[in-house]
Amino acid sequence: MPSVDVVSTLNQQSLYGSSKSAPQSGQKLGKSEFMSLLITQLRHQNPLEPMDNEDFIAQLSQFSSLEQLEGMRQSVDESVVLQRSLGQSMAVGLLGKQVTIPGESISLGSSGSAVLGYTLDEGADVRIEIKNVQGAVVRTLAPGAQPMGNQKVIWDGKDDRGNALPEGNYTYHVLAVGGGDRQVSVSPFFEGRVDSVRFSDDGILLTIGGIEVPISKVRMIQ
């Protein structure tokens, strides 16, 4: 429940008659206590010097604001709970679904191969560098000339010497060169099945092919 500072809300001297019975500085006042103190103030006011109308209206206005703030906070709390519940339900519904995520990360699994996806803004000559977690280039692929649009290249999981690489996470960089040796814009992405969902303080995280990504990054659901 919202609360207001007693010192800033009511005139303590007129309400209690002395500072000894006034609340301590910083003490909080709720809606019920506010109305109770206001009634007490009216009962014990000096008949020869009744409360000023402006002061009375100001205190009633603060009481009304207190009620409105309480209602607003309750509405916000309910909206947050509803939004969280809807987000979690949607995330659970993605289990087993095929999704597309933008990014250069890939996971090399037990199958021994991985699919590298990217979108070309225009036709270009393409070369791909695959790096391990230390950032070292382990394989270079040269698909050559490719048209504009979504492209997929299968990596066999081997290095440049033909040796099978261990399972784990890798990254890839796509270099695309168009006519006149112009660099063409590339948007990498990877596709995979949602294997698990985790709810954390940072939001909802999906595990896709061994890689954990925020649900907000999902670009397409199949």
Protein backbone atom coordinates (compact mmCIF):
# COMPACT_ATOMS: atom_id res chain seq x y z
CA MET A 1 0.00 0.00 0.00
CA PRO A 2 1.43 3.46 -0.88
CA SER A 3 2.30 5.60 2.12
CA VAL A 4 3.05 9.25 2.77
CA ASP A 5 5.43 10.92 5.19
CA VAL A 6 3.57 12.20 8.25
CA VAL A 7 5.81 15.22 8.47
CA SER A 8 5.11 16.30 4.90
CA THR A 9 1.40 15.39 4.85
CA LEU A 10 -0.14 16.93 7.99
CA ASN A 11 0.64 19.86 10.18
CA GLN A 12 1.85 18.02 13.26
CA GLN A 13 1.48 20.91 15.66
CA SER A 14 -2.21 21.44 14.88
CA LEU A 15 -2.95 17.73 14.84
CA TYR A 16 -1.28 16.66 18.09
CA GLY A 17 -0.96 19.89 20.01
CA SER A 18 2.72 19.28 20.79
CA SER A 19 5.77 17.77 19.17
CA LYS A 20 6.05 15.11 21.90
CA SER A 21 3.09 13.11 20.60
CA ALA A 22 3.87 13.67 16.92
CA PRO A 23 5.19 10.78 14.87
CA GLN A 24 8.93 10.40 14.45
CA SER A 25 10.47 11.94 11.34
CA GLY A 26 10.42 9.46 8.48
CA GLN A 27 7.51 7.44 9.95
CA LYS A 28 5.13 6.26 7.21
CA LEU A 29 1.38 6.80 7.13
CA GLY A 30 -1.11 4.58 5.34
CA LYS A 31 -4.55 5.43 3.94
CA SER A 32 -6.52 4.38 7.06
CA GLU A 33 -4.13 6.16 9.42
CA PHE A 34 -4.28 9.29 7.26
CA MET A 35 -8.07 9.50 7.53
CA SER A 36 -7.99 8.74 11.27
CA LEU A 37 -5.53 11.55 11.92
CA LEU A 38 -7.51 13.95 9.78
CA ILE A 39 -10.70 13.23 11.78
CA THR A 40 -8.76 13.66 15.04
CA GLN A 41 -7.49 16.99 13.81
CA LEU A 42 -11.04 18.17 13.09
CA ARG A 43 -12.30 17.05 16.52
CA HIS A 44 -9.57 18.79 18.47
CA GLN A 45 -9.25 21.98 16.47
CA ASN A 46 -9.59 25.26 18.29
CA PRO A 47 -13.21 26.53 17.85
CA LEU A 48 -11.87 30.09 17.88
CA GLU A 49 -9.34 29.24 15.19
CA PRO A 50 -10.91 26.55 12.99
CA MET A 51 -8.90 24.83 10.29
CA ASP A 52 -8.33 26.98 7.26
CA ASN A 53 -10.42 25.84 4.27
CA GLU A 54 -7.36 25.77 2.06
CA ASP A 55 -5.49 23.52 4.50
CA PHE A 56 -8.48 21.19 4.75
CA ILE A 57 -8.85 20.94 0.97
CA ALA A 58 -5.10 20.35 0.59
CA GLN A 59 -5.20 17.46 3.06
CA LEU A 60 -8.23 15.91 1.37
CA SER A 61 -6.44 16.27 -1.95
CA GLN A 62 -3.44 14.39 -0.58
CA PHE A 63 -5.73 11.66 0.72
CA SER A 64 -7.34 11.35 -2.73
CA SER A 65 -3.91 11.16 -4.36
CA LEU A 66 -2.95 8.41 -1.94
CA GLU A 67 -5.96 6.32 -2.99
CA GLN A 68 -5.20 6.87 -6.67
CA LEU A 69 -1.56 5.85 -6.21
CA GLU A 70 -2.65 2.70 -4.42
CA GLY A 71 -4.97 1.78 -7.29
CA MET A 72 -2.27 2.49 -9.86
CA ARG A 73 0.28 0.33 -8.06
CA GLN A 74 -2.16 -2.56 -7.80
CA SER A 75 -2.91 -2.28 -11.53
CA VAL A 76 0.80 -2.21 -12.40
CA ASP A 77 1.52 -5.22 -10.17
CA GLU A 78 -1.30 -7.19 -11.78
CA SER A 79 -0.09 -6.25 -15.27
CA VAL A 80 3.47 -7.37 -14.48
CA VAL A 81 2.25 -10.73 -13.14
CA LEU A 82 0.03 -11.24 -16.19
CA GLN A 83 2.82 -10.32 -18.61
CA ARG A 84 5.25 -12.69 -16.88
CA SER A 85 2.70 -15.51 -16.94
CA LEU A 86 1.97 -15.00 -20.65
CA GLY A 87 5.69 -14.89 -21.46
CA GLN A 88 6.36 -18.13 -19.60
CA SER A 89 3.41 -19.87 -21.28
CA MET A 90 4.65 -18.77 -24.69
CA ALA A 91 8.18 -19.96 -23.92
CA VAL A 92 6.98 -23.42 -22.83
CA GLY A 93 4.99 -23.61 -26.08
CA LEU A 94 8.25 -23.27 -28.03
CA LEU A 95 9.65 -26.57 -26.70
CA GLY A 96 10.38 -28.87 -29.62
CA LYS A 97 9.77 -26.09 -32.18
CA GLN A 98 12.28 -25.09 -34.84
CA VAL A 99 13.31 -21.45 -34.46
CA THR A 100 15.64 -19.02 -36.20
CA ILE A 101 18.00 -16.81 -34.17
CA PRO A 102 20.26 -14.05 -35.55
CA GLY A 103 23.91 -14.51 -34.62
CA GLU A 104 27.21 -16.09 -35.57
CA SER A 105 27.21 -18.87 -32.95
CA ILE A 106 26.92 -22.55 -33.90
CA SER A 107 27.14 -25.79 -31.99
CA LEU A 108 28.98 -28.81 -33.37
CA GLY A 109 27.17 -31.86 -32.03
CA SER A 110 27.50 -35.61 -32.20
CA SER A 111 26.36 -35.63 -35.83
CA GLY A 112 29.73 -34.16 -36.74
CA SER A 113 28.30 -31.38 -38.90
CA ALA A 114 26.61 -27.99 -38.54
CA VAL A 115 24.62 -25.64 -40.76
CA LEU A 116 25.85 -22.08 -41.25
CA GLY A 117 23.04 -19.69 -42.18
CA TYR A 118 23.19 -16.08 -43.39
CA THR A 119 21.32 -13.57 -45.52
CA LEU A 120 22.97 -11.63 -48.34
CA ASP A 121 21.66 -8.17 -49.16
CA GLU A 122 22.73 -8.77 -52.76
CA GLY A 123 24.54 -11.34 -54.84
CA ALA A 124 28.18 -11.76 -53.82
CA ASP A 125 31.24 -13.96 -53.74
CA VAL A 126 31.31 -15.59 -50.29
CA ARG A 127 34.05 -16.86 -47.98
CA ILE A 128 33.42 -18.17 -44.43
CA GLU A 129 35.83 -18.39 -41.51
CA ILE A 130 34.97 -20.75 -38.63
CA LYS A 131 36.58 -20.07 -35.24
CA ASN A 132 36.88 -22.04 -32.02
CA VAL A 133 36.17 -20.63 -28.54
CA GLN A 134 39.74 -19.24 -28.38
CA GLY A 135 39.06 -17.19 -31.50
CA ALA A 136 41.45 -19.14 -33.75
CA VAL A 137 40.34 -19.87 -37.31
CA VAL A 138 39.98 -23.66 -37.65
CA ARG A 139 38.31 -23.87 -41.06
CA THR A 140 37.79 -21.67 -44.09
CA LEU A 141 34.97 -22.42 -46.53
CA ALA A 142 34.59 -20.89 -49.98
CA PRO A 143 31.03 -21.32 -51.32
CA GLY A 144 31.83 -18.85 -54.10
CA ALA A 145 29.21 -16.80 -55.94
CA GLN A 146 25.77 -16.82 -54.29
CA PRO A 147 22.56 -14.90 -55.04
CA MET A 148 20.79 -12.42 -52.80
CA GLY A 149 18.68 -13.86 -49.95
CA ASN A 150 18.96 -16.61 -47.34
CA GLN A 151 21.83 -19.05 -47.75
CA LYS A 152 22.87 -22.22 -45.89
CA VAL A 153 26.25 -23.92 -46.00
CA ILE A 154 26.93 -27.28 -44.36
CA TRP A 155 30.17 -27.57 -42.41
CA ASP A 156 31.40 -31.16 -42.02
CA GLY A 157 32.94 -30.45 -38.63
CA LYS A 158 36.54 -30.78 -39.85
CA ASP A 159 39.45 -28.37 -39.83
CA ASP A 160 41.46 -27.25 -42.87
CA ARG A 161 43.61 -30.40 -42.61
CA GLY A 162 40.65 -32.75 -42.66
CA ASN A 163 40.75 -33.60 -38.96
CA ALA A 164 37.45 -33.97 -37.11
CA LEU A 165 37.04 -31.24 -34.50
CA PRO A 166 35.61 -31.81 -31.01
CA GLU A 167 31.99 -31.15 -30.17
CA GLY A 168 31.27 -27.72 -28.76
CA ASN A 169 30.46 -24.13 -29.63
CA TYR A 170 32.04 -22.28 -32.52
CA THR A 171 31.52 -18.98 -34.32
CA TYR A 172 31.71 -18.09 -37.99
CA HIS A 173 32.31 -14.91 -39.96
CA VAL A 174 30.96 -14.44 -43.48
CA LEU A 175 32.86 -12.18 -45.86
CA ALA A 176 30.81 -11.26 -48.96
CA VAL A 177 32.24 -9.22 -51.84
CA GLY A 178 30.07 -7.84 -54.63
CA GLY A 179 30.79 -6.19 -57.96
CA GLY A 180 33.64 -3.71 -57.92
CA ASP A 181 35.11 -5.40 -54.84
CA ARG A 182 32.37 -3.85 -52.67
CA GLN A 183 31.70 -5.46 -49.32
CA VAL A 184 28.13 -6.77 -49.17
CA SER A 185 26.12 -6.65 -45.95
CA VAL A 186 25.59 -10.09 -44.34
CA SER A 187 23.14 -11.07 -41.57
CA PRO A 188 24.15 -14.41 -40.02
CA PHE A 189 21.59 -16.66 -38.33
CA PHE A 190 21.25 -20.18 -37.04
CA GLU A 191 18.31 -22.54 -36.83
CA GLY A 192 17.61 -25.24 -34.31
CA ARG A 193 15.09 -26.98 -32.09
CA VAL A 194 14.25 -25.55 -28.67
CA ASP A 195 15.46 -28.22 -26.24
CA SER A 196 14.77 -26.48 -22.93
CA VAL A 197 13.48 -23.27 -21.35
CA ARG A 198 15.01 -21.53 -18.34
CA PHE A 199 13.44 -18.69 -16.34
CA SER A 200 16.06 -16.38 -14.81
CA ASP A 201 16.33 -12.89 -13.34
CA ASP A 202 17.58 -11.76 -16.76
CA GLY A 203 14.47 -13.07 -18.51
CA ILE A 204 13.49 -16.21 -20.40
CA LEU A 205 16.35 -18.18 -21.97
CA LEU A 206 16.03 -20.90 -24.62
CA THR A 207 18.54 -23.68 -25.22
CA ILE A 208 18.91 -24.35 -28.94
CA GLY A 209 21.49 -26.84 -30.15
CA GLY A 210 23.51 -26.42 -26.96
CA ILE A 211 23.44 -22.61 -27.15
CA GLU A 212 21.43 -20.55 -24.65
CA VAL A 213 19.81 -17.40 -26.07
CA PRO A 214 17.18 -14.88 -24.86
CA ILE A 215 13.68 -15.53 -26.15
CA SER A 216 13.59 -11.93 -27.42
CA LYS A 217 16.09 -12.88 -30.15
CA VAL A 218 13.78 -15.41 -31.82
CA ARG A 219 13.20 -14.17 -35.37
CA MET A 220 11.12 -17.02 -36.78
CA ILE A 221 9.20 -20.02 -35.44
CA GLN A 222 8.52 -23.04 -37.65
